[in-house]
Amino acid sequence: MLSVCATVVVSDKQAVCGLERFVYETPFTQDGRAHGELGEQFKRKTIITTSHAFPYIKTRLAVISREQVAHSSLCLCVVMTQ
């Protein structure tokens, strides 16, 4: 079973509640290295959905779904400019 443990730091004026989806990005290349030449770089965006909304009474929440989207360097540039 996959679980997520999130630590959120907020200021006095911010309120964070009701979070069920978390996104993180990981760089990679097709040959398995984390970094490479500009044309070889890709970025994998992973979106996970937890069983309960954060914050919850437990510190670890079960992950109920996971989506992965890979962006090439050209597509990544277009996404970042929007």
PDB file of N, CA and C in Angstrom:
ATOM      1  N   MET A   1       0.842  -1.161   0.000  1.00  0.00           N
ATOM      2  CA  MET A   1       0.000   0.000   0.000  1.00  0.00           C
ATOM      3  C   MET A   1       0.897   1.237   0.000  1.00  0.00           C
ATOM      4  N   LEU A   2       0.548   2.190  -0.821  1.00  0.00           N
ATOM      5  CA  LEU A   2       1.284   3.443  -0.915  1.00  0.00           C
ATOM      6  C   LEU A   2       0.595   4.472  -0.040  1.00  0.00           C
ATOM      7  N   SER A   3       1.398   5.245   0.714  1.00  0.00           N
ATOM      8  CA  SER A   3       0.820   6.290   1.549  1.00  0.00           C
ATOM      9  C   SER A   3       1.622   7.555   1.364  1.00  0.00           C
ATOM     10  N   VAL A   4       1.009   8.678   1.686  1.00  0.00           N
ATOM     11  CA  VAL A   4       1.661   9.971   1.563  1.00  0.00           C
ATOM     12  C   VAL A   4       1.670  10.630   2.930  1.00  0.00           C
ATOM     13  N   CYS A   5       2.766  11.272   3.252  1.00  0.00           N
ATOM     14  CA  CYS A   5       2.883  12.023   4.490  1.00  0.00           C
ATOM     15  C   CYS A   5       3.215  13.451   4.092  1.00  0.00           C
ATOM     16  N   ALA A   6       2.318  14.377   4.338  1.00  0.00           N
ATOM     17  CA  ALA A   6       2.495  15.759   3.894  1.00  0.00           C
ATOM     18  C   ALA A   6       2.742  16.668   5.082  1.00  0.00           C
ATOM     19  N   THR A   7       3.654  17.586   4.888  1.00  0.00           N
ATOM     20  CA  THR A   7       3.912  18.621   5.865  1.00  0.00           C
ATOM     21  C   THR A   7       3.715  19.949   5.157  1.00  0.00           C
ATOM     22  N   VAL A   8       2.772  20.726   5.615  1.00  0.00           N
ATOM     23  CA  VAL A   8       2.461  21.996   4.984  1.00  0.00           C
ATOM     24  C   VAL A   8       2.802  23.112   5.955  1.00  0.00           C
ATOM     25  N   VAL A   9       3.582  24.070   5.498  1.00  0.00           N
ATOM     26  CA  VAL A   9       3.945  25.224   6.312  1.00  0.00           C
ATOM     27  C   VAL A   9       3.155  26.411   5.792  1.00  0.00           C
ATOM     28  N   VAL A  10       2.375  27.025   6.654  1.00  0.00           N
ATOM     29  CA  VAL A  10       1.549  28.160   6.247  1.00  0.00           C
ATOM     30  C   VAL A  10       1.788  29.328   7.189  1.00  0.00           C
ATOM     31  N   SER A  11       1.504  30.510   6.696  1.00  0.00           N
ATOM     32  CA  SER A  11       1.617  31.684   7.552  1.00  0.00           C
ATOM     33  C   SER A  11       0.333  31.849   8.354  1.00  0.00           C
ATOM     34  N   ASP A  12       0.301  32.840   9.201  1.00  0.00           N
ATOM     35  CA  ASP A  12      -0.876  33.079  10.041  1.00  0.00           C
ATOM     36  C   ASP A  12      -2.108  33.433   9.223  1.00  0.00           C
ATOM     37  N   LYS A  13      -1.923  34.002   8.045  1.00  0.00           N
ATOM     38  CA  LYS A  13      -3.049  34.477   7.249  1.00  0.00           C
ATOM     39  C   LYS A  13      -3.569  33.442   6.272  1.00  0.00           C
ATOM     40  N   GLN A  14      -2.885  32.315   6.135  1.00  0.00           N
ATOM     41  CA  GLN A  14      -3.294  31.293   5.189  1.00  0.00           C
ATOM     42  C   GLN A  14      -4.007  30.158   5.913  1.00  0.00           C
ATOM     43  N   ALA A  15      -4.933  29.550   5.211  1.00  0.00           N
ATOM     44  CA  ALA A  15      -5.600  28.362   5.739  1.00  0.00           C
ATOM     45  C   ALA A  15      -5.546  27.281   4.669  1.00  0.00           C
ATOM     46  N   VAL A  16      -5.080  26.114   5.040  1.00  0.00           N
ATOM     47  CA  VAL A  16      -4.997  25.006   4.109  1.00  0.00           C
ATOM     48  C   VAL A  16      -5.873  23.884   4.648  1.00  0.00           C
ATOM     49  N   CYS A  17      -6.908  23.559   3.892  1.00  0.00           N
ATOM     50  CA  CYS A  17      -7.757  22.446   4.291  1.00  0.00           C
ATOM     51  C   CYS A  17      -8.465  21.900   3.067  1.00  0.00           C
ATOM     52  N   GLY A  18      -8.860  20.671   3.138  1.00  0.00           N
ATOM     53  CA  GLY A  18      -9.584  20.040   2.047  1.00  0.00           C
ATOM     54  C   GLY A  18      -8.709  19.590   0.888  1.00  0.00           C
ATOM     55  N   LEU A  19      -7.419  19.393   1.114  1.00  0.00           N
ATOM     56  CA  LEU A  19      -6.530  18.954   0.037  1.00  0.00           C
ATOM     57  C   LEU A  19      -6.593  17.441  -0.094  1.00  0.00           C
ATOM     58  N   GLU A  20      -6.954  16.958  -1.283  1.00  0.00           N
ATOM     59  CA  GLU A  20      -6.961  15.525  -1.565  1.00  0.00           C
ATOM     60  C   GLU A  20      -5.990  15.157  -2.668  1.00  0.00           C
ATOM     61  N   ARG A  21      -5.594  16.133  -3.481  1.00  0.00           N
ATOM     62  CA  ARG A  21      -4.708  15.869  -4.608  1.00  0.00           C
ATOM     63  C   ARG A  21      -3.393  16.606  -4.415  1.00  0.00           C
ATOM     64  N   PHE A  22      -2.302  15.891  -4.651  1.00  0.00           N
ATOM     65  CA  PHE A  22      -0.965  16.446  -4.511  1.00  0.00           C
ATOM     66  C   PHE A  22      -0.214  16.208  -5.822  1.00  0.00           C
ATOM     67  N   VAL A  23       0.593  17.174  -6.234  1.00  0.00           N
ATOM     68  CA  VAL A  23       1.328  17.099  -7.493  1.00  0.00           C
ATOM     69  C   VAL A  23       2.811  17.265  -7.207  1.00  0.00           C
ATOM     70  N   TYR A  24       3.622  16.422  -7.802  1.00  0.00           N
ATOM     71  CA  TYR A  24       5.067  16.629  -7.749  1.00  0.00           C
ATOM     72  C   TYR A  24       5.662  16.303  -9.112  1.00  0.00           C
ATOM     73  N   GLU A  25       6.776  16.956  -9.425  1.00  0.00           N
ATOM     74  CA  GLU A  25       7.422  16.809 -10.720  1.00  0.00           C
ATOM     75  C   GLU A  25       8.825  16.248 -10.541  1.00  0.00           C
ATOM     76  N   THR A  26       9.218  15.363 -11.465  1.00  0.00           N
ATOM     77  CA  THR A  26      10.511  14.710 -11.405  1.00  0.00           C
ATOM     78  C   THR A  26      11.186  14.804 -12.777  1.00  0.00           C
ATOM     79  N   PRO A  27      12.425  15.327 -12.843  1.00  0.00           N
ATOM     80  CA  PRO A  27      13.129  15.334 -14.126  1.00  0.00           C
ATOM     81  C   PRO A  27      13.666  13.951 -14.458  1.00  0.00           C
ATOM     82  N   PHE A  28      13.743  13.634 -15.762  1.00  0.00           N
ATOM     83  CA  PHE A  28      14.321  12.360 -16.187  1.00  0.00           C
ATOM     84  C   PHE A  28      14.725  12.444 -17.651  1.00  0.00           C
ATOM     85  N   THR A  29      15.506  11.475 -18.102  1.00  0.00           N
ATOM     86  CA  THR A  29      15.848  11.311 -19.505  1.00  0.00           C
ATOM     87  C   THR A  29      15.414   9.916 -19.938  1.00  0.00           C
ATOM     88  N   GLN A  30      15.353   9.687 -21.239  1.00  0.00           N
ATOM     89  CA  GLN A  30      14.903   8.387 -21.747  1.00  0.00           C
ATOM     90  C   GLN A  30      15.857   7.256 -21.367  1.00  0.00           C
ATOM     91  N   ASP A  31      17.156   7.569 -21.178  1.00  0.00           N
ATOM     92  CA  ASP A  31      18.105   6.513 -20.835  1.00  0.00           C
ATOM     93  C   ASP A  31      18.258   6.295 -19.330  1.00  0.00           C
ATOM     94  N   GLY A  32      17.411   6.944 -18.513  1.00  0.00           N
ATOM     95  CA  GLY A  32      17.385   6.676 -17.080  1.00  0.00           C
ATOM     96  C   GLY A  32      18.106   7.673 -16.199  1.00  0.00           C
ATOM     97  N   ARG A  33      18.913   8.572 -16.786  1.00  0.00           N
ATOM     98  CA  ARG A  33      19.598   9.567 -15.967  1.00  0.00           C
ATOM     99  C   ARG A  33      18.608  10.639 -15.530  1.00  0.00           C
ATOM    100  N   ALA A  34      18.900  11.301 -14.423  1.00  0.00           N
ATOM    101  CA  ALA A  34      18.023  12.357 -13.923  1.00  0.00           C
ATOM    102  C   ALA A  34      18.147  13.630 -14.755  1.00  0.00           C
ATOM    103  N   HIS A  35      19.353  13.929 -15.266  1.00  0.00           N
ATOM    104  CA  HIS A  35      19.581  15.145 -16.045  1.00  0.00           C
ATOM    105  C   HIS A  35      20.397  14.803 -17.281  1.00  0.00           C
ATOM    106  N   GLY A  36      20.294  15.641 -18.315  1.00  0.00           N
ATOM    107  CA  GLY A  36      21.046  15.427 -19.539  1.00  0.00           C
ATOM    108  C   GLY A  36      21.061  16.701 -20.354  1.00  0.00           C
ATOM    109  N   GLU A  37      21.355  16.565 -21.644  1.00  0.00           N
ATOM    110  CA  GLU A  37      21.333  17.711 -22.543  1.00  0.00           C
ATOM    111  C   GLU A  37      19.903  18.248 -22.647  1.00  0.00           C
ATOM    112  N   LEU A  38      19.781  19.492 -23.075  1.00  0.00           N
ATOM    113  CA  LEU A  38      18.478  20.151 -23.106  1.00  0.00           C
ATOM    114  C   LEU A  38      17.454  19.375 -23.925  1.00  0.00           C
ATOM    115  N   GLY A  39      17.864  18.866 -25.077  1.00  0.00           N
ATOM    116  CA  GLY A  39      16.931  18.124 -25.925  1.00  0.00           C
ATOM    117  C   GLY A  39      16.550  16.763 -25.384  1.00  0.00           C
ATOM    118  N   GLU A  40      17.301  16.239 -24.418  1.00  0.00           N
ATOM    119  CA  GLU A  40      17.046  14.913 -23.848  1.00  0.00           C
ATOM    120  C   GLU A  40      16.193  14.966 -22.591  1.00  0.00           C
ATOM    121  N   GLN A  41      15.966  16.155 -22.060  1.00  0.00           N
ATOM    122  CA  GLN A  41      15.301  16.262 -20.764  1.00  0.00           C
ATOM    123  C   GLN A  41      13.782  16.149 -20.895  1.00  0.00           C
ATOM    124  N   PHE A  42      13.209  15.443 -19.964  1.00  0.00           N
ATOM    125  CA  PHE A  42      11.767  15.310 -19.827  1.00  0.00           C
ATOM    126  C   PHE A  42      11.424  15.607 -18.384  1.00  0.00           C
ATOM    127  N   LYS A  43      10.155  15.878 -18.122  1.00  0.00           N
ATOM    128  CA  LYS A  43       9.707  16.067 -16.754  1.00  0.00           C
ATOM    129  C   LYS A  43       8.432  15.245 -16.572  1.00  0.00           C
ATOM    130  N   ARG A  44       8.426  14.435 -15.514  1.00  0.00           N
ATOM    131  CA  ARG A  44       7.276  13.593 -15.207  1.00  0.00           C
ATOM    132  C   ARG A  44       6.475  14.258 -14.096  1.00  0.00           C
ATOM    133  N   LYS A  45       5.215  14.558 -14.373  1.00  0.00           N
ATOM    134  CA  LYS A  45       4.327  15.131 -13.365  1.00  0.00           C
ATOM    135  C   LYS A  45       3.469  13.998 -12.809  1.00  0.00           C
ATOM    136  N   THR A  46       3.518  13.810 -11.500  1.00  0.00           N
ATOM    137  CA  THR A  46       2.741  12.763 -10.841  1.00  0.00           C
ATOM    138  C   THR A  46       1.686  13.418  -9.973  1.00  0.00           C
ATOM    139  N   ILE A  47       0.440  12.997 -10.161  1.00  0.00           N
ATOM    140  CA  ILE A  47      -0.690  13.529  -9.402  1.00  0.00           C
ATOM    141  C   ILE A  47      -1.264  12.380  -8.593  1.00  0.00           C
ATOM    142  N   ILE A  48      -1.258  12.535  -7.263  1.00  0.00           N
ATOM    143  CA  ILE A  48      -1.800  11.485  -6.407  1.00  0.00           C
ATOM    144  C   ILE A  48      -3.034  12.008  -5.676  1.00  0.00           C
ATOM    145  N   THR A  49      -3.986  11.113  -5.472  1.00  0.00           N
ATOM    146  CA  THR A  49      -5.214  11.425  -4.744  1.00  0.00           C
ATOM    147  C   THR A  49      -5.242  10.561  -3.498  1.00  0.00           C
ATOM    148  N   THR A  50      -5.507  11.179  -2.350  1.00  0.00           N
ATOM    149  CA  THR A  50      -5.504  10.451  -1.085  1.00  0.00           C
ATOM    150  C   THR A  50      -6.920  10.047  -0.681  1.00  0.00           C
ATOM    151  N   SER A  51      -7.001   9.125   0.265  1.00  0.00           N
ATOM    152  CA  SER A  51      -8.291   8.595   0.703  1.00  0.00           C
ATOM    153  C   SER A  51      -9.102   9.606   1.508  1.00  0.00           C
ATOM    154  N   HIS A  52      -8.431  10.516   2.183  1.00  0.00           N
ATOM    155  CA  HIS A  52      -9.106  11.550   2.973  1.00  0.00           C
ATOM    156  C   HIS A  52      -8.475  12.900   2.657  1.00  0.00           C
ATOM    157  N   ALA A  53      -9.211  13.952   2.926  1.00  0.00           N
ATOM    158  CA  ALA A  53      -8.686  15.302   2.695  1.00  0.00           C
ATOM    159  C   ALA A  53      -7.669  15.657   3.779  1.00  0.00           C
ATOM    160  N   PHE A  54      -6.673  16.444   3.400  1.00  0.00           N
ATOM    161  CA  PHE A  54      -5.652  16.908   4.336  1.00  0.00           C
ATOM    162  C   PHE A  54      -6.091  18.247   4.891  1.00  0.00           C
ATOM    163  N   PRO A  55      -5.933  18.589   6.113  1.00  0.00           N
ATOM    164  CA  PRO A  55      -5.368  17.783   7.191  1.00  0.00           C
ATOM    165  C   PRO A  55      -6.376  16.760   7.719  1.00  0.00           C
ATOM    166  N   TYR A  56      -5.860  15.645   8.171  1.00  0.00           N
ATOM    167  CA  TYR A  56      -6.657  14.557   8.705  1.00  0.00           C
ATOM    168  C   TYR A  56      -6.040  14.155  10.032  1.00  0.00           C
ATOM    169  N   ILE A  57      -6.759  13.409  10.840  1.00  0.00           N
ATOM    170  CA  ILE A  57      -6.273  13.058  12.171  1.00  0.00           C
ATOM    171  C   ILE A  57      -5.016  12.182  12.092  1.00  0.00           C
ATOM    172  N   LYS A  58      -4.887  11.388  11.037  1.00  0.00           N
ATOM    173  CA  LYS A  58      -3.689  10.569  10.848  1.00  0.00           C
ATOM    174  C   LYS A  58      -2.647  11.371  10.076  1.00  0.00           C
ATOM    175  N   THR A  59      -1.386  11.075  10.326  1.00  0.00           N
ATOM    176  CA  THR A  59      -0.323  11.789   9.620  1.00  0.00           C
ATOM    177  C   THR A  59      -0.024  11.174   8.259  1.00  0.00           C
ATOM    178  N   ARG A  60      -0.412   9.928   8.036  1.00  0.00           N
ATOM    179  CA  ARG A  60      -0.219   9.280   6.738  1.00  0.00           C
ATOM    180  C   ARG A  60      -1.579   8.921   6.162  1.00  0.00           C
ATOM    181  N   LEU A  61      -1.738   9.222   4.882  1.00  0.00           N
ATOM    182  CA  LEU A  61      -2.990   8.934   4.197  1.00  0.00           C
ATOM    183  C   LEU A  61      -2.736   7.958   3.059  1.00  0.00           C
ATOM    184  N   ALA A  62      -3.655   7.023   2.860  1.00  0.00           N
ATOM    185  CA  ALA A  62      -3.521   6.058   1.774  1.00  0.00           C
ATOM    186  C   ALA A  62      -3.744   6.753   0.438  1.00  0.00           C
ATOM    187  N   VAL A  63      -2.955   6.368  -0.558  1.00  0.00           N
ATOM    188  CA  VAL A  63      -3.105   6.896  -1.909  1.00  0.00           C
ATOM    189  C   VAL A  63      -4.074   5.995  -2.656  1.00  0.00           C
ATOM    190  N   ILE A  64      -5.155   6.600  -3.193  1.00  0.00           N
ATOM    191  CA  ILE A  64      -6.160   5.792  -3.887  1.00  0.00           C
ATOM    192  C   ILE A  64      -6.013   5.834  -5.403  1.00  0.00           C
ATOM    193  N   SER A  65      -5.356   6.868  -5.934  1.00  0.00           N
ATOM    194  CA  SER A  65      -5.094   6.885  -7.372  1.00  0.00           C
ATOM    195  C   SER A  65      -3.830   7.684  -7.659  1.00  0.00           C
ATOM    196  N   ARG A  66      -3.198   7.340  -8.787  1.00  0.00           N
ATOM    197  CA  ARG A  66      -1.977   8.025  -9.197  1.00  0.00           C
ATOM    198  C   ARG A  66      -1.983   8.170 -10.708  1.00  0.00           C
ATOM    199  N   GLU A  67      -1.770   9.400 -11.182  1.00  0.00           N
ATOM    200  CA  GLU A  67      -1.674   9.677 -12.611  1.00  0.00           C
ATOM    201  C   GLU A  67      -0.268  10.180 -12.893  1.00  0.00           C
ATOM    202  N   GLN A  68       0.276   9.801 -14.044  1.00  0.00           N
ATOM    203  CA  GLN A  68       1.583  10.306 -14.450  1.00  0.00           C
ATOM    204  C   GLN A  68       1.484  10.854 -15.862  1.00  0.00           C
ATOM    205  N   VAL A  69       2.064  12.043 -16.053  1.00  0.00           N
ATOM    206  CA  VAL A  69       2.112  12.682 -17.360  1.00  0.00           C
ATOM    207  C   VAL A  69       3.556  13.069 -17.612  1.00  0.00           C
ATOM    208  N   ALA A  70       4.097  12.674 -18.776  1.00  0.00           N
ATOM    209  CA  ALA A  70       5.476  13.017 -19.116  1.00  0.00           C
ATOM    210  C   ALA A  70       5.469  14.131 -20.152  1.00  0.00           C
ATOM    211  N   HIS A  71       6.305  15.147 -19.936  1.00  0.00           N
ATOM    212  CA  HIS A  71       6.429  16.272 -20.856  1.00  0.00           C
ATOM    213  C   HIS A  71       7.841  16.286 -21.427  1.00  0.00           C
ATOM    214  N   SER A  72       7.951  16.470 -22.747  1.00  0.00           N
ATOM    215  CA  SER A  72       9.261  16.636 -23.367  1.00  0.00           C
ATOM    216  C   SER A  72       9.759  18.048 -23.105  1.00  0.00           C
ATOM    217  N   SER A  73      11.004  18.333 -23.479  1.00  0.00           N
ATOM    218  CA  SER A  73      11.560  19.658 -23.211  1.00  0.00           C
ATOM    219  C   SER A  73      10.803  20.740 -23.965  1.00  0.00           C
ATOM    220  N   LEU A  74      10.380  20.489 -25.201  1.00  0.00           N
ATOM    221  CA  LEU A  74       9.624  21.479 -25.963  1.00  0.00           C
ATOM    222  C   LEU A  74       8.253  21.700 -25.351  1.00  0.00           C
ATOM    223  N   CYS A  75       7.560  20.629 -25.036  1.00  0.00           N
ATOM    224  CA  CYS A  75       6.238  20.736 -24.413  1.00  0.00           C
ATOM    225  C   CYS A  75       6.349  21.420 -23.044  1.00  0.00           C
ATOM    226  N   LEU A  76       7.413  21.113 -22.321  1.00  0.00           N
ATOM    227  CA  LEU A  76       7.642  21.711 -21.007  1.00  0.00           C
ATOM    228  C   LEU A  76       7.777  23.214 -21.106  1.00  0.00           C
ATOM    229  N   CYS A  77       8.485  23.683 -22.137  1.00  0.00           N
ATOM    230  CA  CYS A  77       8.630  25.139 -22.332  1.00  0.00           C
ATOM    231  C   CYS A  77       7.291  25.793 -22.600  1.00  0.00           C
ATOM    232  N   VAL A  78       6.451  25.150 -23.375  1.00  0.00           N
ATOM    233  CA  VAL A  78       5.127  25.694 -23.671  1.00  0.00           C
ATOM    234  C   VAL A  78       4.272  25.726 -22.403  1.00  0.00           C
ATOM    235  N   VAL A  79       4.309  24.661 -21.618  1.00  0.00           N
ATOM    236  CA  VAL A  79       3.532  24.593 -20.381  1.00  0.00           C
ATOM    237  C   VAL A  79       3.980  25.649 -19.387  1.00  0.00           C
ATOM    238  N   MET A  80       5.293  25.858 -19.281  1.00  0.00           N
ATOM    239  CA  MET A  80       5.809  26.814 -18.301  1.00  0.00           C
ATOM    240  C   MET A  80       5.509  28.264 -18.675  1.00  0.00           C
ATOM    241  N   THR A  81       5.312  28.559 -19.955  1.00  0.00           N
ATOM    242  CA  THR A  81       5.026  29.927 -20.381  1.00  0.00           C
ATOM    243  C   THR A  81       3.558  30.274 -20.240  1.00  0.00           C
ATOM    244  N   GLN A  82       2.698  29.315 -20.015  1.00  0.00           N
ATOM    245  CA  GLN A  82       1.257  29.597 -19.892  1.00  0.00           C
ATOM    246  C   GLN A  82       0.908  30.053 -18.502  1.00  0.00           C
TER     247      GLN A  82
END
